[in-house]
Amino acid sequence: MRLVQAAALDSIADYRLIEVEPPTPGPGQVAVRVKACGVGYVDALVALGRYQVKPPLPHTPGSEIGGVVEALGEGVTGLSIGQRVMAQAAGGFAEVDLAPAAAVTPIPEAMSFEQAAGFRINYLTALHGLADRAAIRPGERLLALGAAGGVGMAAAQVGALLGARVIACASTPEKRAFALAHGAEAAIDTASADPKAWREQLKLLCDGAGPDVIFDPVCGPLFEAAFRSLAWKGRHLVVGFAGGPIPALPANLTLMKGAALVGVDVRQFLLFERTRAAEHLAQLMAWVAEGRLAPPVGRTFAFEDYAEALTFALSGQGLGKTVLRVS
């Protein structure tokens, strides 16, 4: 079988498409014939050794896949050969990948492999953040920053399903139109020479108030301005730092707003709250099966174009989740 691999993390040019023997699943593992693999900003950072946790070498990129069960390891139950699944697994840039059985989920017929490849982490993050960490209520105003990206788009769609009034924040007309087409009822530009003017525009979109919840995977230049815009008892969800350097916030602002700055870490959620995570995933799958949730697929790349896919994911130009079509 073929996979993408690098012995160093200095550049995307270090990666090569090579032939290896297909892996055999061990106890508790599932071998998945990969049809598609998600390519996110974090995947690209990891591939270049720029993430906070560096992977062991040699490294094969990719962490979320959609595909078909090819083989089952000892002790695995509840799955069958040939079943359509999505999985969280290291090394998804491969024709066959191994995943722990607990990280493999059957997908409904309504979901394509490309949709499955960018779904699990982004949509679990969105539902966990909005339902558990923000306790968002129907009718509340949700500001989704980076709303055209994979997790920002998930927040816009999930927020709408939870009854929130979604305002999308994105950097280009194309990205804002994309968010408006997938759950947002209003949109605002990220670019503003005057943060006060940006806050006034946001206030108008919030009927003279401010957002009740901010979903923030960017934490960039608008971080403090967004927090200052919160309505009374607002919640600002810190999801990631795609905007670059980690910003700081004057502590007195939380007091002035009666507001909360809340962290959202889906990795620890999956580790410490497995039952709740399973319930959330079941809810998300039900929404997909019912046709109420249709994750948009971003730009897709052929397997041979893996380097271009990583470069594109790193650029921040994509709409939705970038996908590598493996087979």
C-alpha atoms as a PDB file:
ATOM      1  CA  MET A   1       0.000   0.000   0.000  1.00  0.00           C
ATOM      2  CA  ARG A   2       1.000   3.668  -0.340  1.00  0.00           C
ATOM      3  CA  LEU A   3       1.457   6.265   2.380  1.00  0.00           C
ATOM      4  CA  VAL A   4       2.985   9.712   2.793  1.00  0.00           C
ATOM      5  CA  GLN A   5       5.953   9.873   5.139  1.00  0.00           C
ATOM      6  CA  ALA A   6       8.857  12.120   6.196  1.00  0.00           C
ATOM      7  CA  ALA A   7      11.977  11.384   8.258  1.00  0.00           C
ATOM      8  CA  ALA A   8      12.351  15.090   9.178  1.00  0.00           C
ATOM      9  CA  LEU A   9       9.940  17.955   9.826  1.00  0.00           C
ATOM     10  CA  ASP A  10      11.874  20.828   8.266  1.00  0.00           C
ATOM     11  CA  SER A  11       9.671  21.353   5.222  1.00  0.00           C
ATOM     12  CA  ILE A  12       6.727  19.912   3.333  1.00  0.00           C
ATOM     13  CA  ALA A  13       9.273  18.939   0.677  1.00  0.00           C
ATOM     14  CA  ASP A  14      10.597  16.322   3.141  1.00  0.00           C
ATOM     15  CA  TYR A  15       7.466  14.203   2.555  1.00  0.00           C
ATOM     16  CA  ARG A  16       7.423  11.351   0.061  1.00  0.00           C
ATOM     17  CA  LEU A  17       4.791   8.925  -1.215  1.00  0.00           C
ATOM     18  CA  ILE A  18       6.202   5.455  -0.508  1.00  0.00           C
ATOM     19  CA  GLU A  19       5.175   1.800  -0.725  1.00  0.00           C
ATOM     20  CA  VAL A  20       4.951  -0.251   2.489  1.00  0.00           C
ATOM     21  CA  GLU A  21       3.286  -3.428   3.684  1.00  0.00           C
ATOM     22  CA  PRO A  22      -0.304  -2.837   4.876  1.00  0.00           C
ATOM     23  CA  PRO A  23      -0.651  -2.826   8.675  1.00  0.00           C
ATOM     24  CA  THR A  24      -2.299  -5.650  10.611  1.00  0.00           C
ATOM     25  CA  PRO A  25      -4.653  -4.617  13.428  1.00  0.00           C
ATOM     26  CA  GLY A  26      -3.654  -5.672  16.923  1.00  0.00           C
ATOM     27  CA  PRO A  27      -6.001  -6.276  19.856  1.00  0.00           C
ATOM     28  CA  GLY A  28      -8.610  -3.525  20.071  1.00  0.00           C
ATOM     29  CA  GLN A  29      -7.634  -2.038  16.718  1.00  0.00           C
ATOM     30  CA  VAL A  30      -9.450  -1.608  13.402  1.00  0.00           C
ATOM     31  CA  ALA A  31      -7.836  -1.449   9.961  1.00  0.00           C
ATOM     32  CA  VAL A  32      -9.639   1.080   7.782  1.00  0.00           C
ATOM     33  CA  ARG A  33      -9.325   1.343   4.003  1.00  0.00           C
ATOM     34  CA  VAL A  34      -9.003   5.124   3.782  1.00  0.00           C
ATOM     35  CA  LYS A  35     -11.215   6.878   1.245  1.00  0.00           C
ATOM     36  CA  ALA A  36     -10.623  10.446   2.452  1.00  0.00           C
ATOM     37  CA  CYS A  37      -8.532  12.212   5.096  1.00  0.00           C
ATOM     38  CA  GLY A  38      -9.151  15.650   6.576  1.00  0.00           C
ATOM     39  CA  VAL A  39      -6.345  18.200   6.297  1.00  0.00           C
ATOM     40  CA  GLY A  40      -6.591  20.919   8.923  1.00  0.00           C
ATOM     41  CA  TYR A  41      -4.409  23.815  10.001  1.00  0.00           C
ATOM     42  CA  VAL A  42      -3.177  21.798  12.997  1.00  0.00           C
ATOM     43  CA  ASP A  43      -2.340  18.828  10.739  1.00  0.00           C
ATOM     44  CA  ALA A  44      -0.111  21.128   8.689  1.00  0.00           C
ATOM     45  CA  LEU A  45       1.546  22.571  11.809  1.00  0.00           C
ATOM     46  CA  VAL A  46       2.249  19.072  13.128  1.00  0.00           C
ATOM     47  CA  ALA A  47       3.644  18.034   9.743  1.00  0.00           C
ATOM     48  CA  LEU A  48       6.150  20.894   9.968  1.00  0.00           C
ATOM     49  CA  GLY A  49       7.042  20.351  13.626  1.00  0.00           C
ATOM     50  CA  ARG A  50       5.505  23.689  14.621  1.00  0.00           C
ATOM     51  CA  TYR A  51       2.815  22.357  16.915  1.00  0.00           C
ATOM     52  CA  GLN A  52       3.158  22.307  20.723  1.00  0.00           C
ATOM     53  CA  VAL A  53       3.501  18.509  20.610  1.00  0.00           C
ATOM     54  CA  LYS A  54       5.983  17.152  18.068  1.00  0.00           C
ATOM     55  CA  PRO A  55       5.215  13.725  16.548  1.00  0.00           C
ATOM     56  CA  PRO A  56       7.679  10.826  16.540  1.00  0.00           C
ATOM     57  CA  LEU A  57       9.607  10.186  13.355  1.00  0.00           C
ATOM     58  CA  PRO A  58       9.073   9.024  10.696  1.00  0.00           C
ATOM     59  CA  HIS A  59       5.797  10.930  10.493  1.00  0.00           C
ATOM     60  CA  THR A  60       2.695  10.388   8.365  1.00  0.00           C
ATOM     61  CA  PRO A  61       0.251  13.342   8.484  1.00  0.00           C
ATOM     62  CA  GLY A  62      -3.496  13.148   9.005  1.00  0.00           C
ATOM     63  CA  SER A  63      -5.666  12.491  12.049  1.00  0.00           C
ATOM     64  CA  GLU A  64      -9.252  12.054  10.783  1.00  0.00           C
ATOM     65  CA  ILE A  65     -10.374   9.628   8.120  1.00  0.00           C
ATOM     66  CA  GLY A  66     -13.454   8.373   6.368  1.00  0.00           C
ATOM     67  CA  GLY A  67     -13.375   4.895   4.898  1.00  0.00           C
ATOM     68  CA  VAL A  68     -14.375   1.240   5.068  1.00  0.00           C
ATOM     69  CA  VAL A  69     -13.510  -1.353   7.705  1.00  0.00           C
ATOM     70  CA  GLU A  70     -10.954  -3.749   6.203  1.00  0.00           C
ATOM     71  CA  ALA A  71      -9.976  -5.892   9.205  1.00  0.00           C
ATOM     72  CA  LEU A  72     -10.739  -6.205  12.910  1.00  0.00           C
ATOM     73  CA  GLY A  73      -8.281  -6.902  15.687  1.00  0.00           C
ATOM     74  CA  GLU A  74      -8.864  -9.315  18.517  1.00  0.00           C
ATOM     75  CA  GLY A  75     -11.659  -8.315  20.883  1.00  0.00           C
ATOM     76  CA  VAL A  76     -13.275  -5.727  18.617  1.00  0.00           C
ATOM     77  CA  THR A  77     -17.067  -5.923  18.582  1.00  0.00           C
ATOM     78  CA  GLY A  78     -19.855  -3.782  17.155  1.00  0.00           C
ATOM     79  CA  LEU A  79     -18.143  -3.275  13.789  1.00  0.00           C
ATOM     80  CA  SER A  80     -18.065  -5.398  10.643  1.00  0.00           C
ATOM     81  CA  ILE A  81     -15.889  -5.812   7.565  1.00  0.00           C
ATOM     82  CA  GLY A  82     -17.000  -3.475   4.778  1.00  0.00           C
ATOM     83  CA  GLN A  83     -18.812  -1.072   7.119  1.00  0.00           C
ATOM     84  CA  ARG A  84     -18.647   2.653   6.273  1.00  0.00           C
ATOM     85  CA  VAL A  85     -16.971   4.526   9.143  1.00  0.00           C
ATOM     86  CA  MET A  86     -15.149   7.619  10.269  1.00  0.00           C
ATOM     87  CA  ALA A  87     -12.210   7.401  12.641  1.00  0.00           C
ATOM     88  CA  GLN A  88      -9.710   9.438  14.583  1.00  0.00           C
ATOM     89  CA  ALA A  89      -6.353   7.874  13.819  1.00  0.00           C
ATOM     90  CA  ALA A  90      -2.756   8.987  13.452  1.00  0.00           C
ATOM     91  CA  GLY A  91      -1.261   8.634   9.975  1.00  0.00           C
ATOM     92  CA  GLY A  92      -4.330   9.191   7.809  1.00  0.00           C
ATOM     93  CA  PHE A  93      -2.314   9.991   4.670  1.00  0.00           C
ATOM     94  CA  ALA A  94      -2.286   6.277   3.869  1.00  0.00           C
ATOM     95  CA  GLU A  95      -4.341   3.795   1.866  1.00  0.00           C
ATOM     96  CA  VAL A  96      -4.879   1.704   5.024  1.00  0.00           C
ATOM     97  CA  ASP A  97      -4.688   3.078   8.556  1.00  0.00           C
ATOM     98  CA  LEU A  98      -5.092   1.618  12.055  1.00  0.00           C
ATOM     99  CA  ALA A  99      -7.412   3.183  14.626  1.00  0.00           C
ATOM    100  CA  PRO A 100      -8.457   2.234  18.161  1.00  0.00           C
ATOM    101  CA  ALA A 101     -11.906   0.652  18.025  1.00  0.00           C
ATOM    102  CA  ALA A 102     -13.236   3.296  20.440  1.00  0.00           C
ATOM    103  CA  ALA A 103     -12.330   6.009  17.906  1.00  0.00           C
ATOM    104  CA  VAL A 104     -14.205   4.363  15.017  1.00  0.00           C
ATOM    105  CA  THR A 105     -17.830   5.360  14.374  1.00  0.00           C
ATOM    106  CA  PRO A 106     -20.234   4.033  11.723  1.00  0.00           C
ATOM    107  CA  ILE A 107     -21.560   6.770   9.449  1.00  0.00           C
ATOM    108  CA  PRO A 108     -25.056   7.076   7.954  1.00  0.00           C
ATOM    109  CA  GLU A 109     -25.657   6.707   4.216  1.00  0.00           C
ATOM    110  CA  ALA A 110     -26.396  10.430   4.116  1.00  0.00           C
ATOM    111  CA  MET A 111     -22.747  11.179   4.943  1.00  0.00           C
ATOM    112  CA  SER A 112     -20.012  10.995   2.298  1.00  0.00           C
ATOM    113  CA  PHE A 113     -16.478   9.850   3.074  1.00  0.00           C
ATOM    114  CA  GLU A 114     -15.271  13.414   2.420  1.00  0.00           C
ATOM    115  CA  GLN A 115     -17.730  14.782   4.985  1.00  0.00           C
ATOM    116  CA  ALA A 116     -16.714  12.104   7.487  1.00  0.00           C
ATOM    117  CA  ALA A 117     -13.020  12.995   7.104  1.00  0.00           C
ATOM    118  CA  GLY A 118     -13.529  16.453   8.573  1.00  0.00           C
ATOM    119  CA  PHE A 119     -16.337  15.807  11.008  1.00  0.00           C
ATOM    120  CA  ARG A 120     -15.512  14.144  14.310  1.00  0.00           C
ATOM    121  CA  ILE A 121     -13.206  16.658  16.002  1.00  0.00           C
ATOM    122  CA  ASN A 122     -14.677  19.864  14.553  1.00  0.00           C
ATOM    123  CA  TYR A 123     -18.303  19.047  15.281  1.00  0.00           C
ATOM    124  CA  LEU A 124     -17.645  17.494  18.682  1.00  0.00           C
ATOM    125  CA  THR A 125     -15.670  20.628  19.583  1.00  0.00           C
ATOM    126  CA  ALA A 126     -18.574  22.812  18.486  1.00  0.00           C
ATOM    127  CA  LEU A 127     -21.263  20.866  20.349  1.00  0.00           C
ATOM    128  CA  HIS A 128     -19.150  20.431  23.501  1.00  0.00           C
ATOM    129  CA  GLY A 129     -18.215  24.112  23.513  1.00  0.00           C
ATOM    130  CA  LEU A 130     -21.694  25.472  22.890  1.00  0.00           C
ATOM    131  CA  ALA A 131     -23.748  22.992  24.921  1.00  0.00           C
ATOM    132  CA  ASP A 132     -21.423  22.114  27.815  1.00  0.00           C
ATOM    133  CA  ARG A 133     -19.059  25.048  28.236  1.00  0.00           C
ATOM    134  CA  ALA A 134     -21.331  27.932  27.183  1.00  0.00           C
ATOM    135  CA  ALA A 135     -24.723  26.353  28.019  1.00  0.00           C
ATOM    136  CA  ILE A 136     -26.101  28.290  25.069  1.00  0.00           C
ATOM    137  CA  ARG A 137     -29.862  28.823  25.017  1.00  0.00           C
ATOM    138  CA  PRO A 138     -32.308  29.222  22.111  1.00  0.00           C
ATOM    139  CA  GLY A 139     -32.499  32.825  20.995  1.00  0.00           C
ATOM    140  CA  GLU A 140     -29.053  33.793  22.307  1.00  0.00           C
ATOM    141  CA  ARG A 141     -26.672  35.579  19.955  1.00  0.00           C
ATOM    142  CA  LEU A 142     -23.591  33.580  18.916  1.00  0.00           C
ATOM    143  CA  LEU A 143     -20.563  35.236  17.311  1.00  0.00           C
ATOM    144  CA  ALA A 144     -18.540  32.602  15.425  1.00  0.00           C
ATOM    145  CA  LEU A 145     -15.029  33.831  14.644  1.00  0.00           C
ATOM    146  CA  GLY A 146     -13.209  32.154  11.761  1.00  0.00           C
ATOM    147  CA  ALA A 147     -16.660  31.051  10.663  1.00  0.00           C
ATOM    148  CA  ALA A 148     -15.621  29.767   7.230  1.00  0.00           C
ATOM    149  CA  GLY A 149     -12.986  27.391   8.609  1.00  0.00           C
ATOM    150  CA  GLY A 150     -13.610  23.808   9.649  1.00  0.00           C
ATOM    151  CA  VAL A 151     -14.374  24.297  13.345  1.00  0.00           C
ATOM    152  CA  GLY A 152     -15.849  27.797  12.902  1.00  0.00           C
ATOM    153  CA  MET A 153     -18.286  26.457  10.320  1.00  0.00           C
ATOM    154  CA  ALA A 154     -19.161  23.584  12.659  1.00  0.00           C
ATOM    155  CA  ALA A 155     -19.966  26.115  15.388  1.00  0.00           C
ATOM    156  CA  ALA A 156     -22.188  28.131  13.046  1.00  0.00           C
ATOM    157  CA  GLN A 157     -24.144  25.037  11.978  1.00  0.00           C
ATOM    158  CA  VAL A 158     -24.416  23.484  15.445  1.00  0.00           C
ATOM    159  CA  GLY A 159     -25.293  26.846  16.970  1.00  0.00           C
ATOM    160  CA  ALA A 160     -28.177  27.252  14.528  1.00  0.00           C
ATOM    161  CA  LEU A 161     -29.426  23.741  15.358  1.00  0.00           C
ATOM    162  CA  LEU A 162     -29.357  24.646  19.055  1.00  0.00           C
ATOM    163  CA  GLY A 163     -31.545  27.663  18.335  1.00  0.00           C
ATOM    164  CA  ALA A 164     -28.902  30.398  18.516  1.00  0.00           C
ATOM    165  CA  ARG A 165     -28.866  33.472  16.286  1.00  0.00           C
ATOM    166  CA  VAL A 166     -25.538  33.064  14.509  1.00  0.00           C
ATOM    167  CA  ILE A 167     -23.327  35.971  13.417  1.00  0.00           C
ATOM    168  CA  ALA A 168     -20.387  34.830  11.319  1.00  0.00           C
ATOM    169  CA  CYS A 169     -17.065  36.664  11.412  1.00  0.00           C
ATOM    170  CA  ALA A 170     -14.773  36.029   8.434  1.00  0.00           C
ATOM    171  CA  SER A 171     -12.089  37.843   6.469  1.00  0.00           C
ATOM    172  CA  THR A 172     -13.372  37.888   2.864  1.00  0.00           C
ATOM    173  CA  PRO A 173     -16.705  38.355   1.078  1.00  0.00           C
ATOM    174  CA  GLU A 174     -16.420  34.774  -0.207  1.00  0.00           C
ATOM    175  CA  LYS A 175     -15.969  33.396   3.321  1.00  0.00           C
ATOM    176  CA  ARG A 176     -18.839  35.454   4.698  1.00  0.00           C
ATOM    177  CA  ALA A 177     -21.141  34.312   1.880  1.00  0.00           C
ATOM    178  CA  PHE A 178     -20.114  30.722   2.607  1.00  0.00           C
ATOM    179  CA  ALA A 179     -21.038  31.103   6.280  1.00  0.00           C
ATOM    180  CA  LEU A 180     -24.364  32.752   5.425  1.00  0.00           C
ATOM    181  CA  ALA A 181     -25.182  29.788   3.188  1.00  0.00           C
ATOM    182  CA  HIS A 182     -24.581  27.341   6.053  1.00  0.00           C
ATOM    183  CA  GLY A 183     -26.448  28.539   9.118  1.00  0.00           C
ATOM    184  CA  ALA A 184     -25.410  32.126   9.867  1.00  0.00           C
ATOM    185  CA  GLU A 185     -28.097  34.806   9.739  1.00  0.00           C
ATOM    186  CA  ALA A 186     -25.637  37.729   9.592  1.00  0.00           C
ATOM    187  CA  ALA A 187     -21.947  38.269   8.887  1.00  0.00           C
ATOM    188  CA  ILE A 188     -19.238  40.749   9.805  1.00  0.00           C
ATOM    189  CA  ASP A 189     -15.743  41.375   8.427  1.00  0.00           C
ATOM    190  CA  THR A 190     -12.695  40.612  10.568  1.00  0.00           C
ATOM    191  CA  ALA A 191     -10.770  43.501   9.065  1.00  0.00           C
ATOM    192  CA  SER A 192     -11.125  46.909  10.696  1.00  0.00           C
ATOM    193  CA  ALA A 193      -8.624  49.699  11.185  1.00  0.00           C
ATOM    194  CA  ASP A 194     -10.671  50.803  14.201  1.00  0.00           C
ATOM    195  CA  PRO A 195     -11.707  48.155  16.781  1.00  0.00           C
ATOM    196  CA  LYS A 196     -14.311  50.578  18.166  1.00  0.00           C
ATOM    197  CA  ALA A 197     -15.947  50.864  14.737  1.00  0.00           C
ATOM    198  CA  TRP A 198     -15.951  47.055  14.473  1.00  0.00           C
ATOM    199  CA  ARG A 199     -17.628  46.816  17.861  1.00  0.00           C
ATOM    200  CA  GLU A 200     -20.287  49.320  16.809  1.00  0.00           C
ATOM    201  CA  GLN A 201     -21.033  47.291  13.698  1.00  0.00           C
ATOM    202  CA  LEU A 202     -21.299  44.120  15.786  1.00  0.00           C
ATOM    203  CA  LYS A 203     -23.593  45.906  18.227  1.00  0.00           C
ATOM    204  CA  LEU A 204     -25.947  46.808  15.383  1.00  0.00           C
ATOM    205  CA  LEU A 205     -26.068  43.155  14.292  1.00  0.00           C
ATOM    206  CA  CYS A 206     -26.945  42.244  17.894  1.00  0.00           C
ATOM    207  CA  ASP A 207     -29.939  44.606  18.039  1.00  0.00           C
ATOM    208  CA  GLY A 208     -28.054  47.176  20.074  1.00  0.00           C
ATOM    209  CA  ALA A 209     -26.639  44.706  22.592  1.00  0.00           C
ATOM    210  CA  GLY A 210     -23.744  42.304  22.159  1.00  0.00           C
ATOM    211  CA  PRO A 211     -23.184  38.594  21.571  1.00  0.00           C
ATOM    212  CA  ASP A 212     -24.093  36.261  24.426  1.00  0.00           C
ATOM    213  CA  VAL A 213     -21.538  33.662  23.321  1.00  0.00           C
ATOM    214  CA  ILE A 214     -18.326  33.998  21.304  1.00  0.00           C
ATOM    215  CA  PHE A 215     -16.843  30.877  19.707  1.00  0.00           C
ATOM    216  CA  ASP A 216     -13.196  31.719  19.053  1.00  0.00           C
ATOM    217  CA  PRO A 217     -10.781  29.323  17.314  1.00  0.00           C
ATOM    218  CA  VAL A 218      -8.699  32.314  16.155  1.00  0.00           C
ATOM    219  CA  CYS A 219      -7.842  34.366  19.287  1.00  0.00           C
ATOM    220  CA  GLY A 220      -6.223  36.926  17.014  1.00  0.00           C
ATOM    221  CA  PRO A 221      -6.287  40.737  16.776  1.00  0.00           C
ATOM    222  CA  LEU A 222     -10.023  40.911  17.552  1.00  0.00           C
ATOM    223  CA  PHE A 223      -9.747  38.895  20.769  1.00  0.00           C
ATOM    224  CA  GLU A 224     -10.037  41.782  23.231  1.00  0.00           C
ATOM    225  CA  ALA A 225     -12.462  43.795  21.096  1.00  0.00           C
ATOM    226  CA  ALA A 226     -14.745  40.765  20.863  1.00  0.00           C
ATOM    227  CA  PHE A 227     -14.646  40.170  24.618  1.00  0.00           C
ATOM    228  CA  ARG A 228     -15.417  43.844  25.270  1.00  0.00           C
ATOM    229  CA  SER A 229     -18.476  43.461  23.034  1.00  0.00           C
ATOM    230  CA  LEU A 230     -20.052  40.675  25.105  1.00  0.00           C
ATOM    231  CA  ALA A 231     -23.496  41.144  26.580  1.00  0.00           C
ATOM    232  CA  TRP A 232     -23.927  40.892  30.353  1.00  0.00           C
ATOM    233  CA  LYS A 233     -23.056  37.361  31.577  1.00  0.00           C
ATOM    234  CA  GLY A 234     -21.545  36.555  28.196  1.00  0.00           C
ATOM    235  CA  ARG A 235     -19.226  33.597  27.571  1.00  0.00           C
ATOM    236  CA  HIS A 236     -16.126  33.775  25.372  1.00  0.00           C
ATOM    237  CA  LEU A 237     -15.007  30.296  24.319  1.00  0.00           C
ATOM    238  CA  VAL A 238     -11.270  29.905  23.705  1.00  0.00           C
ATOM    239  CA  VAL A 239     -10.974  27.095  21.153  1.00  0.00           C
ATOM    240  CA  GLY A 240      -7.614  27.626  19.445  1.00  0.00           C
ATOM    241  CA  PHE A 241      -4.960  30.084  18.316  1.00  0.00           C
ATOM    242  CA  ALA A 242      -5.046  30.119  14.524  1.00  0.00           C
ATOM    243  CA  GLY A 243      -4.519  33.897  14.702  1.00  0.00           C
ATOM    244  CA  GLY A 244      -0.883  33.563  15.751  1.00  0.00           C
ATOM    245  CA  PRO A 245       0.625  34.700  19.076  1.00  0.00           C
ATOM    246  CA  ILE A 246      -1.495  33.920  22.139  1.00  0.00           C
ATOM    247  CA  PRO A 247      -3.204  37.149  23.283  1.00  0.00           C
ATOM    248  CA  ALA A 248      -3.715  38.457  26.820  1.00  0.00           C
ATOM    249  CA  LEU A 249      -6.830  39.969  28.362  1.00  0.00           C
ATOM    250  CA  PRO A 250      -7.083  42.517  31.227  1.00  0.00           C
ATOM    251  CA  ALA A 251      -8.654  40.594  34.102  1.00  0.00           C
ATOM    252  CA  ASN A 252     -10.917  43.487  35.074  1.00  0.00           C
ATOM    253  CA  LEU A 253     -12.946  43.024  31.881  1.00  0.00           C
ATOM    254  CA  THR A 254     -14.479  39.820  33.211  1.00  0.00           C
ATOM    255  CA  LEU A 255     -15.702  41.753  36.247  1.00  0.00           C
ATOM    256  CA  MET A 256     -17.077  44.670  34.229  1.00  0.00           C
ATOM    257  CA  LYS A 257     -19.045  42.353  31.955  1.00  0.00           C
ATOM    258  CA  GLY A 258     -19.983  39.698  34.496  1.00  0.00           C
ATOM    259  CA  ALA A 259     -18.510  37.541  31.760  1.00  0.00           C
ATOM    260  CA  ALA A 260     -16.540  34.303  31.551  1.00  0.00           C
ATOM    261  CA  LEU A 261     -13.501  33.315  29.513  1.00  0.00           C
ATOM    262  CA  VAL A 262     -13.929  29.570  29.027  1.00  0.00           C
ATOM    263  CA  GLY A 263     -11.535  27.013  27.571  1.00  0.00           C
ATOM    264  CA  VAL A 264     -12.740  24.317  25.159  1.00  0.00           C
ATOM    265  CA  ASP A 265     -10.402  21.312  24.836  1.00  0.00           C
ATOM    266  CA  VAL A 266     -12.002  18.436  22.964  1.00  0.00           C
ATOM    267  CA  ARG A 267      -8.986  16.169  23.539  1.00  0.00           C
ATOM    268  CA  GLN A 268      -9.476  16.259  27.310  1.00  0.00           C
ATOM    269  CA  PHE A 269     -13.251  16.116  26.892  1.00  0.00           C
ATOM    270  CA  LEU A 270     -12.863  12.804  25.035  1.00  0.00           C
ATOM    271  CA  LEU A 271     -10.470  11.590  27.735  1.00  0.00           C
ATOM    272  CA  PHE A 272     -12.384  12.572  30.877  1.00  0.00           C
ATOM    273  CA  GLU A 273     -16.033  12.620  29.735  1.00  0.00           C
ATOM    274  CA  ARG A 274     -16.334   9.644  27.430  1.00  0.00           C
ATOM    275  CA  THR A 275     -20.022   9.000  28.084  1.00  0.00           C
ATOM    276  CA  ARG A 276     -20.975  12.610  27.364  1.00  0.00           C
ATOM    277  CA  ALA A 277     -18.768  12.632  24.248  1.00  0.00           C
ATOM    278  CA  ALA A 278     -20.496   9.478  22.975  1.00  0.00           C
ATOM    279  CA  GLU A 279     -23.885  11.106  23.560  1.00  0.00           C
ATOM    280  CA  HIS A 280     -22.810  14.186  21.621  1.00  0.00           C
ATOM    281  CA  LEU A 281     -21.483  12.101  18.740  1.00  0.00           C
ATOM    282  CA  ALA A 282     -24.752  10.130  18.608  1.00  0.00           C
ATOM    283  CA  GLN A 283     -26.694  13.401  18.485  1.00  0.00           C
ATOM    284  CA  LEU A 284     -24.539  14.719  15.661  1.00  0.00           C
ATOM    285  CA  MET A 285     -24.933  11.494  13.672  1.00  0.00           C
ATOM    286  CA  ALA A 286     -28.697  11.665  14.176  1.00  0.00           C
ATOM    287  CA  TRP A 287     -28.796  15.211  12.815  1.00  0.00           C
ATOM    288  CA  VAL A 288     -26.837  14.055   9.748  1.00  0.00           C
ATOM    289  CA  ALA A 289     -29.085  11.021   9.198  1.00  0.00           C
ATOM    290  CA  GLU A 290     -32.187  13.223   9.500  1.00  0.00           C
ATOM    291  CA  GLY A 291     -30.832  15.676   6.924  1.00  0.00           C
ATOM    292  CA  ARG A 292     -30.692  18.521   9.455  1.00  0.00           C
ATOM    293  CA  LEU A 293     -26.888  18.747   9.376  1.00  0.00           C
ATOM    294  CA  ALA A 294     -24.929  18.641   6.125  1.00  0.00           C
ATOM    295  CA  PRO A 295     -21.240  19.423   6.709  1.00  0.00           C
ATOM    296  CA  PRO A 296     -19.842  21.323   3.717  1.00  0.00           C
ATOM    297  CA  VAL A 297     -16.775  19.780   2.099  1.00  0.00           C
ATOM    298  CA  GLY A 298     -13.927  22.166   1.427  1.00  0.00           C
ATOM    299  CA  ARG A 299     -11.385  21.954  -1.348  1.00  0.00           C
ATOM    300  CA  THR A 300     -10.382  18.392  -2.194  1.00  0.00           C
ATOM    301  CA  PHE A 301      -6.995  17.175  -3.393  1.00  0.00           C
ATOM    302  CA  ALA A 302      -5.881  13.948  -5.048  1.00  0.00           C
ATOM    303  CA  PHE A 303      -3.653  11.673  -2.974  1.00  0.00           C
ATOM    304  CA  GLU A 304      -0.633  12.533  -5.132  1.00  0.00           C
ATOM    305  CA  ASP A 305      -1.177  16.234  -4.369  1.00  0.00           C
ATOM    306  CA  TYR A 306      -0.635  15.815  -0.597  1.00  0.00           C
ATOM    307  CA  ALA A 307       2.027  18.572  -0.483  1.00  0.00           C
ATOM    308  CA  GLU A 308      -0.326  21.081  -2.084  1.00  0.00           C
ATOM    309  CA  ALA A 309      -3.078  20.039   0.356  1.00  0.00           C
ATOM    310  CA  LEU A 310      -0.836  20.683   3.376  1.00  0.00           C
ATOM    311  CA  THR A 311       0.279  24.037   1.982  1.00  0.00           C
ATOM    312  CA  PHE A 312      -3.314  25.070   1.325  1.00  0.00           C
ATOM    313  CA  ALA A 313      -4.459  24.030   4.805  1.00  0.00           C
ATOM    314  CA  LEU A 314      -1.674  26.121   6.331  1.00  0.00           C
ATOM    315  CA  SER A 315      -2.689  29.193   4.308  1.00  0.00           C
ATOM    316  CA  GLY A 316      -6.036  29.739   6.044  1.00  0.00           C
ATOM    317  CA  GLN A 317      -7.705  30.361   2.678  1.00  0.00           C
ATOM    318  CA  GLY A 318      -9.992  27.338   2.715  1.00  0.00           C
ATOM    319  CA  LEU A 319     -13.744  27.214   3.056  1.00  0.00           C
ATOM    320  CA  GLY A 320     -14.720  24.394   5.418  1.00  0.00           C
ATOM    321  CA  LYS A 321     -12.436  21.412   5.950  1.00  0.00           C
ATOM    322  CA  THR A 322      -9.785  20.670   3.331  1.00  0.00           C
ATOM    323  CA  VAL A 323      -9.837  16.993   2.272  1.00  0.00           C
ATOM    324  CA  LEU A 324      -7.289  14.613   0.746  1.00  0.00           C
ATOM    325  CA  ARG A 325      -9.089  12.032  -1.410  1.00  0.00           C
ATOM    326  CA  VAL A 326      -7.004   8.907  -0.862  1.00  0.00           C
ATOM    327  CA  SER A 327      -8.882   6.250  -2.848  1.00  0.00           C
END
